[in-house]
């Protein structure tokens, strides 16, 4: 299954819920949500700095990965961004490919 990085921040409303429930409960709820989409959570970390959390997960496809982000963002408690993750083996395959392309101005 493809891997994705969800990263983002809590809104004021989301921070109040986090303060009430704690980090372990949030991680368990998130794991169940990902599993309900047919995915698997690989890692869940809280962070200091620009993002409040980082989640690495597998999802069956882009549609279900986007569904997770849409549902979470629509809650008004978090602002989630998605990054599709690419394995070293996929990069190995990509660097062996080519395409017909002309740079701008050439």
PDB file of N, CA and C in Angstrom:
ATOM      1  N   UNK A   1       0.844  -1.192   0.000  1.00  0.00           N
ATOM      2  CA  UNK A   1       0.000   0.000   0.000  1.00  0.00           C
ATOM      3  C   UNK A   1       0.879   1.241   0.000  1.00  0.00           C
ATOM      4  N   UNK A   2       0.429   2.302  -0.655  1.00  0.00           N
ATOM      5  CA  UNK A   2       1.173   3.565  -0.630  1.00  0.00           C
ATOM      6  C   UNK A   2       1.252   4.133   0.787  1.00  0.00           C
ATOM      7  N   UNK A   3       2.346   4.849   1.043  1.00  0.00           N
ATOM      8  CA  UNK A   3       2.547   5.481   2.357  1.00  0.00           C
ATOM      9  C   UNK A   3       2.344   6.983   2.244  1.00  0.00           C
ATOM     10  N   UNK A   4       1.858   7.563   3.332  1.00  0.00           N
ATOM     11  CA  UNK A   4       1.589   8.995   3.395  1.00  0.00           C
ATOM     12  C   UNK A   4       2.059   9.554   4.728  1.00  0.00           C
ATOM     13  N   UNK A   5       2.435  10.813   4.696  1.00  0.00           N
ATOM     14  CA  UNK A   5       2.751  11.557   5.908  1.00  0.00           C
ATOM     15  C   UNK A   5       1.645  12.578   6.097  1.00  0.00           C
ATOM     16  N   UNK A   6       0.908  12.454   7.199  1.00  0.00           N
ATOM     17  CA  UNK A   6      -0.033  13.497   7.602  1.00  0.00           C
ATOM     18  C   UNK A   6       0.710  14.351   8.612  1.00  0.00           C
ATOM     19  N   UNK A   7       0.680  15.642   8.417  1.00  0.00           N
ATOM     20  CA  UNK A   7       1.295  16.551   9.381  1.00  0.00           C
ATOM     21  C   UNK A   7       0.420  17.782   9.482  1.00  0.00           C
ATOM     22  N   UNK A   8       0.373  18.330  10.685  1.00  0.00           N
ATOM     23  CA  UNK A   8      -0.489  19.482  10.833  1.00  0.00           C
ATOM     24  C   UNK A   8      -0.504  20.043  12.233  1.00  0.00           C
ATOM     25  N   UNK A   9      -1.510  20.851  12.459  1.00  0.00           N
ATOM     26  CA  UNK A   9      -1.617  21.584  13.717  1.00  0.00           C
ATOM     27  C   UNK A   9      -3.044  21.524  14.239  1.00  0.00           C
ATOM     28  N   UNK A  10      -3.158  21.679  15.538  1.00  0.00           N
ATOM     29  CA  UNK A  10      -4.460  21.754  16.189  1.00  0.00           C
ATOM     30  C   UNK A  10      -4.966  23.186  16.163  1.00  0.00           C
ATOM     31  N   UNK A  11      -6.270  23.329  16.004  1.00  0.00           N
ATOM     32  CA  UNK A  11      -6.906  24.635  16.169  1.00  0.00           C
ATOM     33  C   UNK A  11      -7.104  24.854  17.665  1.00  0.00           C
ATOM     34  N   UNK A  12      -7.580  26.028  18.045  1.00  0.00           N
ATOM     35  CA  UNK A  12      -7.874  26.281  19.466  1.00  0.00           C
ATOM     36  C   UNK A  12      -8.851  25.235  20.000  1.00  0.00           C
ATOM     37  N   UNK A  13      -9.882  24.932  19.215  1.00  0.00           N
ATOM     38  CA  UNK A  13     -10.876  23.934  19.610  1.00  0.00           C
ATOM     39  C   UNK A  13     -10.218  22.553  19.774  1.00  0.00           C
ATOM     40  N   UNK A  14      -9.330  22.197  18.841  1.00  0.00           N
ATOM     41  CA  UNK A  14      -8.643  20.919  18.908  1.00  0.00           C
ATOM     42  C   UNK A  14      -7.695  20.825  20.093  1.00  0.00           C
ATOM     43  N   UNK A  15      -7.026  21.923  20.412  1.00  0.00           N
ATOM     44  CA  UNK A  15      -6.126  21.932  21.564  1.00  0.00           C
ATOM     45  C   UNK A  15      -6.888  21.721  22.873  1.00  0.00           C
ATOM     46  N   UNK A  16      -8.081  22.289  22.958  1.00  0.00           N
ATOM     47  CA  UNK A  16      -8.897  22.076  24.159  1.00  0.00           C
ATOM     48  C   UNK A  16      -9.244  20.590  24.312  1.00  0.00           C
ATOM     49  N   UNK A  17      -9.582  19.945  23.212  1.00  0.00           N
ATOM     50  CA  UNK A  17      -9.874  18.519  23.248  1.00  0.00           C
ATOM     51  C   UNK A  17      -8.654  17.689  23.590  1.00  0.00           C
ATOM     52  N   UNK A  18      -7.508  18.064  23.052  1.00  0.00           N
ATOM     53  CA  UNK A  18      -6.261  17.360  23.364  1.00  0.00           C
ATOM     54  C   UNK A  18      -5.919  17.502  24.842  1.00  0.00           C
ATOM     55  N   UNK A  19      -6.085  18.687  25.379  1.00  0.00           N
ATOM     56  CA  UNK A  19      -5.808  18.918  26.799  1.00  0.00           C
ATOM     57  C   UNK A  19      -6.731  18.072  27.678  1.00  0.00           C
ATOM     58  N   UNK A  20      -7.961  17.880  27.232  1.00  0.00           N
ATOM     59  CA  UNK A  20      -8.926  17.093  27.995  1.00  0.00           C
ATOM     60  C   UNK A  20      -8.613  15.596  27.910  1.00  0.00           C
ATOM     61  N   UNK A  21      -8.339  15.104  26.689  1.00  0.00           N
ATOM     62  CA  UNK A  21      -8.213  13.663  26.454  1.00  0.00           C
ATOM     63  C   UNK A  21      -6.791  13.120  26.561  1.00  0.00           C
ATOM     64  N   UNK A  22      -5.794  13.960  26.293  1.00  0.00           N
ATOM     65  CA  UNK A  22      -4.407  13.502  26.305  1.00  0.00           C
ATOM     66  C   UNK A  22      -3.962  12.927  24.971  1.00  0.00           C
ATOM     67  N   UNK A  23      -2.665  12.723  24.863  1.00  0.00           N
ATOM     68  CA  UNK A  23      -2.067  12.272  23.610  1.00  0.00           C
ATOM     69  C   UNK A  23      -2.329  10.817  23.272  1.00  0.00           C
ATOM     70  N   UNK A  24      -2.325   9.933  24.273  1.00  0.00           N
ATOM     71  CA  UNK A  24      -2.529   8.504  24.004  1.00  0.00           C
ATOM     72  C   UNK A  24      -3.912   8.230  23.433  1.00  0.00           C
ATOM     73  N   UNK A  25      -4.920   8.893  23.978  1.00  0.00           N
ATOM     74  CA  UNK A  25      -6.278   8.702  23.448  1.00  0.00           C
ATOM     75  C   UNK A  25      -6.357   9.216  22.015  1.00  0.00           C
ATOM     76  N   UNK A  26      -5.736  10.357  21.738  1.00  0.00           N
ATOM     77  CA  UNK A  26      -5.768  10.909  20.383  1.00  0.00           C
ATOM     78  C   UNK A  26      -5.124   9.934  19.405  1.00  0.00           C
ATOM     79  N   UNK A  27      -4.009   9.320  19.806  1.00  0.00           N
ATOM     80  CA  UNK A  27      -3.334   8.361  18.947  1.00  0.00           C
ATOM     81  C   UNK A  27      -4.219   7.143  18.683  1.00  0.00           C
ATOM     82  N   UNK A  28      -4.897   6.635  19.708  1.00  0.00           N
ATOM     83  CA  UNK A  28      -5.767   5.472  19.544  1.00  0.00           C
ATOM     84  C   UNK A  28      -6.955   5.778  18.634  1.00  0.00           C
ATOM     85  N   UNK A  29      -7.551   6.952  18.812  1.00  0.00           N
ATOM     86  CA  UNK A  29      -8.686   7.356  17.975  1.00  0.00           C
ATOM     87  C   UNK A  29      -8.237   7.490  16.519  1.00  0.00           C
ATOM     88  N   UNK A  30      -7.075   8.071  16.312  1.00  0.00           N
ATOM     89  CA  UNK A  30      -6.553   8.251  14.960  1.00  0.00           C
ATOM     90  C   UNK A  30      -6.263   6.900  14.306  1.00  0.00           C
ATOM     91  N   UNK A  31      -5.686   5.986  15.064  1.00  0.00           N
ATOM     92  CA  UNK A  31      -5.396   4.641  14.539  1.00  0.00           C
ATOM     93  C   UNK A  31      -6.673   3.967  14.073  1.00  0.00           C
ATOM     94  N   UNK A  32      -7.731   4.033  14.875  1.00  0.00           N
ATOM     95  CA  UNK A  32      -9.015   3.428  14.501  1.00  0.00           C
ATOM     96  C   UNK A  32      -9.596   4.092  13.249  1.00  0.00           C
ATOM     97  N   UNK A  33      -9.449   5.399  13.150  1.00  0.00           N
ATOM     98  CA  UNK A  33      -9.973   6.120  11.985  1.00  0.00           C
ATOM     99  C   UNK A  33      -9.247   5.666  10.716  1.00  0.00           C
ATOM    100  N   UNK A  34      -7.931   5.549  10.794  1.00  0.00           N
ATOM    101  CA  UNK A  34      -7.144   5.106   9.633  1.00  0.00           C
ATOM    102  C   UNK A  34      -7.537   3.682   9.251  1.00  0.00           C
ATOM    103  N   UNK A  35      -7.708   2.823  10.238  1.00  0.00           N
ATOM    104  CA  UNK A  35      -8.111   1.439   9.973  1.00  0.00           C
ATOM    105  C   UNK A  35      -9.501   1.376   9.345  1.00  0.00           C
ATOM    106  N   UNK A  36     -10.375   2.310   9.694  1.00  0.00           N
ATOM    107  CA  UNK A  36     -11.726   2.318   9.105  1.00  0.00           C
ATOM    108  C   UNK A  36     -11.688   2.653   7.615  1.00  0.00           C
ATOM    109  N   UNK A  37     -10.587   3.241   7.169  1.00  0.00           N
ATOM    110  CA  UNK A  37     -10.396   3.535   5.749  1.00  0.00           C
ATOM    111  C   UNK A  37      -9.639   2.408   5.035  1.00  0.00           C
ATOM    112  N   UNK A  38      -9.351   1.333   5.764  1.00  0.00           N
ATOM    113  CA  UNK A  38      -8.595   0.229   5.171  1.00  0.00           C
ATOM    114  C   UNK A  38      -7.102   0.422   5.253  1.00  0.00           C
ATOM    115  N   UNK A  39      -6.659   1.388   6.055  1.00  0.00           N
ATOM    116  CA  UNK A  39      -5.236   1.702   6.167  1.00  0.00           C
ATOM    117  C   UNK A  39      -4.607   1.148   7.426  1.00  0.00           C
ATOM    118  N   UNK A  40      -3.335   1.485   7.609  1.00  0.00           N
ATOM    119  CA  UNK A  40      -2.570   1.050   8.773  1.00  0.00           C
ATOM    120  C   UNK A  40      -1.667   2.188   9.225  1.00  0.00           C
ATOM    121  N   UNK A  41      -1.736   2.529  10.513  1.00  0.00           N
ATOM    122  CA  UNK A  41      -0.882   3.573  11.063  1.00  0.00           C
ATOM    123  C   UNK A  41       0.473   2.962  11.407  1.00  0.00           C
ATOM    124  N   UNK A  42       1.526   3.570  10.910  1.00  0.00           N
ATOM    125  CA  UNK A  42       2.887   3.100  11.183  1.00  0.00           C
ATOM    126  C   UNK A  42       3.511   3.855  12.353  1.00  0.00           C
ATOM    127  N   UNK A  43       3.259   5.153  12.433  1.00  0.00           N
ATOM    128  CA  UNK A  43       3.855   5.966  13.503  1.00  0.00           C
ATOM    129  C   UNK A  43       2.983   7.189  13.755  1.00  0.00           C
ATOM    130  N   UNK A  44       2.991   7.637  15.012  1.00  0.00           N
ATOM    131  CA  UNK A  44       2.263   8.844  15.416  1.00  0.00           C
ATOM    132  C   UNK A  44       3.150   9.575  16.402  1.00  0.00           C
ATOM    133  N   UNK A  45       3.501  10.800  16.061  1.00  0.00           N
ATOM    134  CA  UNK A  45       4.354  11.607  16.935  1.00  0.00           C
ATOM    135  C   UNK A  45       3.775  12.995  17.107  1.00  0.00           C
ATOM    136  N   UNK A  46       3.853  13.498  18.319  1.00  0.00           N
ATOM    137  CA  UNK A  46       3.622  14.918  18.568  1.00  0.00           C
ATOM    138  C   UNK A  46       4.953  15.608  18.387  1.00  0.00           C
ATOM    139  N   UNK A  47       4.935  16.906  18.082  1.00  0.00           N
ATOM    140  CA  UNK A  47       6.177  17.598  17.764  1.00  0.00           C
ATOM    141  C   UNK A  47       6.172  19.017  18.321  1.00  0.00           C
ATOM    142  N   UNK A  48       7.352  19.544  18.447  1.00  0.00           N
ATOM    143  CA  UNK A  48       7.550  20.937  18.829  1.00  0.00           C
ATOM    144  C   UNK A  48       7.890  21.704  17.558  1.00  0.00           C
ATOM    145  N   UNK A  49       7.358  22.892  17.405  1.00  0.00           N
ATOM    146  CA  UNK A  49       7.688  23.678  16.229  1.00  0.00           C
ATOM    147  C   UNK A  49       6.471  23.985  15.392  1.00  0.00           C
ATOM    148  N   UNK A  50       6.658  24.038  14.087  1.00  0.00           N
ATOM    149  CA  UNK A  50       5.605  24.458  13.166  1.00  0.00           C
ATOM    150  C   UNK A  50       4.415  23.516  13.090  1.00  0.00           C
ATOM    151  N   UNK A  51       4.643  22.226  13.225  1.00  0.00           N
ATOM    152  CA  UNK A  51       3.559  21.243  13.200  1.00  0.00           C
ATOM    153  C   UNK A  51       3.402  20.636  14.584  1.00  0.00           C
ATOM    154  N   UNK A  52       2.157  20.330  14.944  1.00  0.00           N
ATOM    155  CA  UNK A  52       1.877  19.713  16.243  1.00  0.00           C
ATOM    156  C   UNK A  52       1.975  18.194  16.211  1.00  0.00           C
ATOM    157  N   UNK A  53       1.793  17.601  15.024  1.00  0.00           N
ATOM    158  CA  UNK A  53       1.815  16.141  14.923  1.00  0.00           C
ATOM    159  C   UNK A  53       2.303  15.691  13.550  1.00  0.00           C
ATOM    160  N   UNK A  54       2.829  14.458  13.541  1.00  0.00           N
ATOM    161  CA  UNK A  54       3.266  13.776  12.329  1.00  0.00           C
ATOM    162  C   UNK A  54       2.761  12.345  12.414  1.00  0.00           C
ATOM    163  N   UNK A  55       2.101  11.884  11.360  1.00  0.00           N
ATOM    164  CA  UNK A  55       1.564  10.530  11.318  1.00  0.00           C
ATOM    165  C   UNK A  55       2.029   9.891  10.018  1.00  0.00           C
ATOM    166  N   UNK A  56       2.651   8.731  10.106  1.00  0.00           N
ATOM    167  CA  UNK A  56       3.005   7.968   8.918  1.00  0.00           C
ATOM    168  C   UNK A  56       2.014   6.817   8.829  1.00  0.00           C
ATOM    169  N   UNK A  57       1.385   6.682   7.667  1.00  0.00           N
ATOM    170  CA  UNK A  57       0.374   5.650   7.496  1.00  0.00           C
ATOM    171  C   UNK A  57       0.411   5.070   6.105  1.00  0.00           C
ATOM    172  N   UNK A  58      -0.175   3.901   5.987  1.00  0.00           N
ATOM    173  CA  UNK A  58      -0.419   3.294   4.688  1.00  0.00           C
ATOM    174  C   UNK A  58      -1.911   3.389   4.423  1.00  0.00           C
ATOM    175  N   UNK A  59      -2.270   3.691   3.195  1.00  0.00           N
ATOM    176  CA  UNK A  59      -3.677   3.709   2.790  1.00  0.00           C
ATOM    177  C   UNK A  59      -3.786   2.980   1.457  1.00  0.00           C
ATOM    178  N   UNK A  60      -4.933   2.365   1.199  1.00  0.00           N
ATOM    179  CA  UNK A  60      -5.077   1.604  -0.044  1.00  0.00           C
ATOM    180  C   UNK A  60      -4.886   2.441  -1.309  1.00  0.00           C
ATOM    181  N   UNK A  61      -5.236   3.717  -1.239  1.00  0.00           N
ATOM    182  CA  UNK A  61      -5.143   4.561  -2.437  1.00  0.00           C
ATOM    183  C   UNK A  61      -5.239   6.031  -2.035  1.00  0.00           C
ATOM    184  N   UNK A  62      -5.014   6.906  -3.026  1.00  0.00           N
ATOM    185  CA  UNK A  62      -5.068   8.353  -2.785  1.00  0.00           C
ATOM    186  C   UNK A  62      -6.436   8.811  -2.311  1.00  0.00           C
ATOM    187  N   UNK A  63      -7.491   8.200  -2.844  1.00  0.00           N
ATOM    188  CA  UNK A  63      -8.846   8.631  -2.482  1.00  0.00           C
ATOM    189  C   UNK A  63      -9.064   8.483  -0.982  1.00  0.00           C
ATOM    190  N   UNK A  64      -8.694   7.322  -0.424  1.00  0.00           N
ATOM    191  CA  UNK A  64      -8.904   7.124   1.006  1.00  0.00           C
ATOM    192  C   UNK A  64      -7.944   7.966   1.842  1.00  0.00           C
ATOM    193  N   UNK A  65      -6.747   8.214   1.333  1.00  0.00           N
ATOM    194  CA  UNK A  65      -5.827   9.100   2.053  1.00  0.00           C
ATOM    195  C   UNK A  65      -6.400  10.516   2.118  1.00  0.00           C
ATOM    196  N   UNK A  66      -6.980  10.957   1.010  1.00  0.00           N
ATOM    197  CA  UNK A  66      -7.582  12.297   0.973  1.00  0.00           C
ATOM    198  C   UNK A  66      -8.828  12.345   1.854  1.00  0.00           C
ATOM    199  N   UNK A  67      -9.614  11.273   1.868  1.00  0.00           N
ATOM    200  CA  UNK A  67     -10.803  11.218   2.723  1.00  0.00           C
ATOM    201  C   UNK A  67     -10.437  11.481   4.173  1.00  0.00           C
ATOM    202  N   UNK A  68      -9.368  10.853   4.649  1.00  0.00           N
ATOM    203  CA  UNK A  68      -8.928  11.072   6.023  1.00  0.00           C
ATOM    204  C   UNK A  68      -8.632  12.528   6.305  1.00  0.00           C
ATOM    205  N   UNK A  69      -7.949  13.159   5.387  1.00  0.00           N
ATOM    206  CA  UNK A  69      -7.616  14.570   5.554  1.00  0.00           C
ATOM    207  C   UNK A  69      -8.861  15.452   5.504  1.00  0.00           C
ATOM    208  N   UNK A  70      -9.750  15.180   4.571  1.00  0.00           N
ATOM    209  CA  UNK A  70     -10.965  15.990   4.435  1.00  0.00           C
ATOM    210  C   UNK A  70     -11.834  15.906   5.686  1.00  0.00           C
ATOM    211  N   UNK A  71     -12.038  14.687   6.183  1.00  0.00           N
ATOM    212  CA  UNK A  71     -12.883  14.511   7.370  1.00  0.00           C
ATOM    213  C   UNK A  71     -12.253  15.211   8.573  1.00  0.00           C
ATOM    214  N   UNK A  72     -10.949  15.030   8.756  1.00  0.00           N
ATOM    215  CA  UNK A  72     -10.268  15.670   9.890  1.00  0.00           C
ATOM    216  C   UNK A  72     -10.328  17.194   9.767  1.00  0.00           C
ATOM    217  N   UNK A  73     -10.015  17.728   8.578  1.00  0.00           N
ATOM    218  CA  UNK A  73     -10.037  19.184   8.399  1.00  0.00           C
ATOM    219  C   UNK A  73     -11.441  19.755   8.567  1.00  0.00           C
ATOM    220  N   UNK A  74     -12.458  19.022   8.109  1.00  0.00           N
ATOM    221  CA  UNK A  74     -13.839  19.512   8.223  1.00  0.00           C
ATOM    222  C   UNK A  74     -14.313  19.579   9.671  1.00  0.00           C
ATOM    223  N   UNK A  75     -13.643  18.851  10.563  1.00  0.00           N
ATOM    224  CA  UNK A  75     -14.034  18.872  11.977  1.00  0.00           C
ATOM    225  C   UNK A  75     -13.759  20.220  12.629  1.00  0.00           C
ATOM    226  N   UNK A  76     -12.862  21.002  12.044  1.00  0.00           N
ATOM    227  CA  UNK A  76     -12.507  22.294  12.622  1.00  0.00           C
ATOM    228  C   UNK A  76     -11.564  22.198  13.812  1.00  0.00           C
ATOM    229  N   UNK A  77     -11.047  20.991  14.076  1.00  0.00           N
ATOM    230  CA  UNK A  77     -10.158  20.808  15.228  1.00  0.00           C
ATOM    231  C   UNK A  77      -8.689  20.677  14.857  1.00  0.00           C
ATOM    232  N   UNK A  78      -8.436  20.391  13.585  1.00  0.00           N
ATOM    233  CA  UNK A  78      -7.063  20.245  13.098  1.00  0.00           C
ATOM    234  C   UNK A  78      -6.955  20.815  11.694  1.00  0.00           C
ATOM    235  N   UNK A  79      -5.734  21.100  11.297  1.00  0.00           N
ATOM    236  CA  UNK A  79      -5.423  21.457   9.912  1.00  0.00           C
ATOM    237  C   UNK A  79      -4.376  20.448   9.451  1.00  0.00           C
ATOM    238  N   UNK A  80      -4.811  19.486   8.635  1.00  0.00           N
ATOM    239  CA  UNK A  80      -3.955  18.381   8.198  1.00  0.00           C
ATOM    240  C   UNK A  80      -3.464  18.623   6.778  1.00  0.00           C
ATOM    241  N   UNK A  81      -2.192  18.344   6.555  1.00  0.00           N
ATOM    242  CA  UNK A  81      -1.592  18.345   5.218  1.00  0.00           C
ATOM    243  C   UNK A  81      -1.130  16.930   4.923  1.00  0.00           C
ATOM    244  N   UNK A  82      -1.139  16.539   3.650  1.00  0.00           N
ATOM    245  CA  UNK A  82      -0.715  15.199   3.251  1.00  0.00           C
ATOM    246  C   UNK A  82       0.503  15.311   2.345  1.00  0.00           C
ATOM    247  N   UNK A  83       1.473  14.439   2.587  1.00  0.00           N
ATOM    248  CA  UNK A  83       2.618  14.272   1.696  1.00  0.00           C
ATOM    249  C   UNK A  83       2.673  12.801   1.310  1.00  0.00           C
ATOM    250  N   UNK A  84       2.652  12.505   0.019  1.00  0.00           N
ATOM    251  CA  UNK A  84       2.829  11.122  -0.436  1.00  0.00           C
ATOM    252  C   UNK A  84       4.302  10.771  -0.273  1.00  0.00           C
ATOM    253  N   UNK A  85       4.571   9.618   0.320  1.00  0.00           N
ATOM    254  CA  UNK A  85       5.944   9.188   0.555  1.00  0.00           C
ATOM    255  C   UNK A  85       6.371   8.207  -0.538  1.00  0.00           C
ATOM    256  N   UNK A  86       7.618   8.322  -0.957  1.00  0.00           N
ATOM    257  CA  UNK A  86       8.154   7.516  -2.045  1.00  0.00           C
ATOM    258  C   UNK A  86       9.339   6.713  -1.517  1.00  0.00           C
ATOM    259  N   UNK A  87       9.350   5.418  -1.800  1.00  0.00           N
ATOM    260  CA  UNK A  87      10.429   4.559  -1.312  1.00  0.00           C
ATOM    261  C   UNK A  87      11.693   4.727  -2.155  1.00  0.00           C
ATOM    262  N   UNK A  88      12.853   4.381  -1.608  1.00  0.00           N
ATOM    263  CA  UNK A  88      14.094   4.424  -2.395  1.00  0.00           C
ATOM    264  C   UNK A  88      13.997   3.557  -3.650  1.00  0.00           C
ATOM    265  N   UNK A  89      13.294   2.435  -3.559  1.00  0.00           N
ATOM    266  CA  UNK A  89      13.150   1.559  -4.718  1.00  0.00           C
ATOM    267  C   UNK A  89      12.328   2.220  -5.827  1.00  0.00           C
ATOM    268  N   UNK A  90      11.320   2.983  -5.438  1.00  0.00           N
ATOM    269  CA  UNK A  90      10.534   3.712  -6.442  1.00  0.00           C
ATOM    270  C   UNK A  90      11.385   4.780  -7.115  1.00  0.00           C
ATOM    271  N   UNK A  91      12.247   5.433  -6.353  1.00  0.00           N
ATOM    272  CA  UNK A  91      13.159   6.422  -6.949  1.00  0.00           C
ATOM    273  C   UNK A  91      14.118   5.728  -7.901  1.00  0.00           C
ATOM    274  N   UNK A  92      14.605   4.542  -7.529  1.00  0.00           N
ATOM    275  CA  UNK A  92      15.485   3.777  -8.429  1.00  0.00           C
ATOM    276  C   UNK A  92      14.809   3.549  -9.774  1.00  0.00           C
ATOM    277  N   UNK A  93      13.523   3.186  -9.749  1.00  0.00           N
ATOM    278  CA  UNK A  93      12.784   2.982 -10.994  1.00  0.00           C
ATOM    279  C   UNK A  93      12.603   4.294 -11.755  1.00  0.00           C
ATOM    280  N   UNK A  94      12.303   5.368 -11.024  1.00  0.00           N
ATOM    281  CA  UNK A  94      12.055   6.660 -11.660  1.00  0.00           C
ATOM    282  C   UNK A  94      13.293   7.210 -12.361  1.00  0.00           C
ATOM    283  N   UNK A  95      14.473   7.054 -11.759  1.00  0.00           N
ATOM    284  CA  UNK A  95      15.674   7.630 -12.375  1.00  0.00           C
ATOM    285  C   UNK A  95      16.080   6.889 -13.648  1.00  0.00           C
ATOM    286  N   UNK A  96      15.499   5.731 -13.886  1.00  0.00           N
ATOM    287  CA  UNK A  96      15.767   4.972 -15.113  1.00  0.00           C
ATOM    288  C   UNK A  96      14.804   5.358 -16.230  1.00  0.00           C
ATOM    289  N   UNK A  97      13.828   6.197 -15.920  1.00  0.00           N
ATOM    290  CA  UNK A  97      12.834   6.634 -16.893  1.00  0.00           C
ATOM    291  C   UNK A  97      13.256   7.960 -17.516  1.00  0.00           C
ATOM    292  N   UNK A  98      12.604   8.286 -18.606  1.00  0.00           N
ATOM    293  CA  UNK A  98      12.828   9.584 -19.244  1.00  0.00           C
ATOM    294  C   UNK A  98      11.505  10.050 -19.847  1.00  0.00           C
ATOM    295  N   UNK A  99      11.481  11.287 -20.291  1.00  0.00           N
ATOM    296  CA  UNK A  99      10.310  11.806 -20.984  1.00  0.00           C
ATOM    297  C   UNK A  99      10.762  12.862 -21.980  1.00  0.00           C
ATOM    298  N   UNK A 100       9.937  13.135 -22.944  1.00  0.00           N
ATOM    299  CA  UNK A 100      10.220  14.197 -23.910  1.00  0.00           C
ATOM    300  C   UNK A 100       9.728  15.489 -23.297  1.00  0.00           C
ATOM    301  N   UNK A 101      10.644  16.422 -23.046  1.00  0.00           N
ATOM    302  CA  UNK A 101      10.294  17.664 -22.394  1.00  0.00           C
ATOM    303  C   UNK A 101      11.227  18.755 -22.864  1.00  0.00           C
ATOM    304  N   UNK A 102      10.676  19.950 -23.055  1.00  0.00           N
ATOM    305  CA  UNK A 102      11.464  21.105 -23.435  1.00  0.00           C
ATOM    306  C   UNK A 102      11.382  22.119 -22.298  1.00  0.00           C
ATOM    307  N   UNK A 103      12.534  22.542 -21.750  1.00  0.00           N
ATOM    308  CA  UNK A 103      12.510  23.555 -20.680  1.00  0.00           C
ATOM    309  C   UNK A 103      11.932  24.872 -21.190  1.00  0.00           C
ATOM    310  N   UNK A 104      11.364  25.668 -20.299  1.00  0.00           N
ATOM    311  CA  UNK A 104      10.848  26.980 -20.695  1.00  0.00           C
ATOM    312  C   UNK A 104      11.943  27.819 -21.363  1.00  0.00           C
ATOM    313  N   UNK A 105      11.585  28.501 -22.451  1.00  0.00           N
ATOM    314  CA  UNK A 105      12.517  29.394 -23.119  1.00  0.00           C
ATOM    315  C   UNK A 105      13.462  28.703 -24.096  1.00  0.00           C
ATOM    316  N   UNK A 106      13.348  27.426 -24.287  1.00  0.00           N
ATOM    317  CA  UNK A 106      14.238  26.703 -25.231  1.00  0.00           C
ATOM    318  C   UNK A 106      13.524  26.400 -26.514  1.00  0.00           C
TER     319      UNK A 106
END
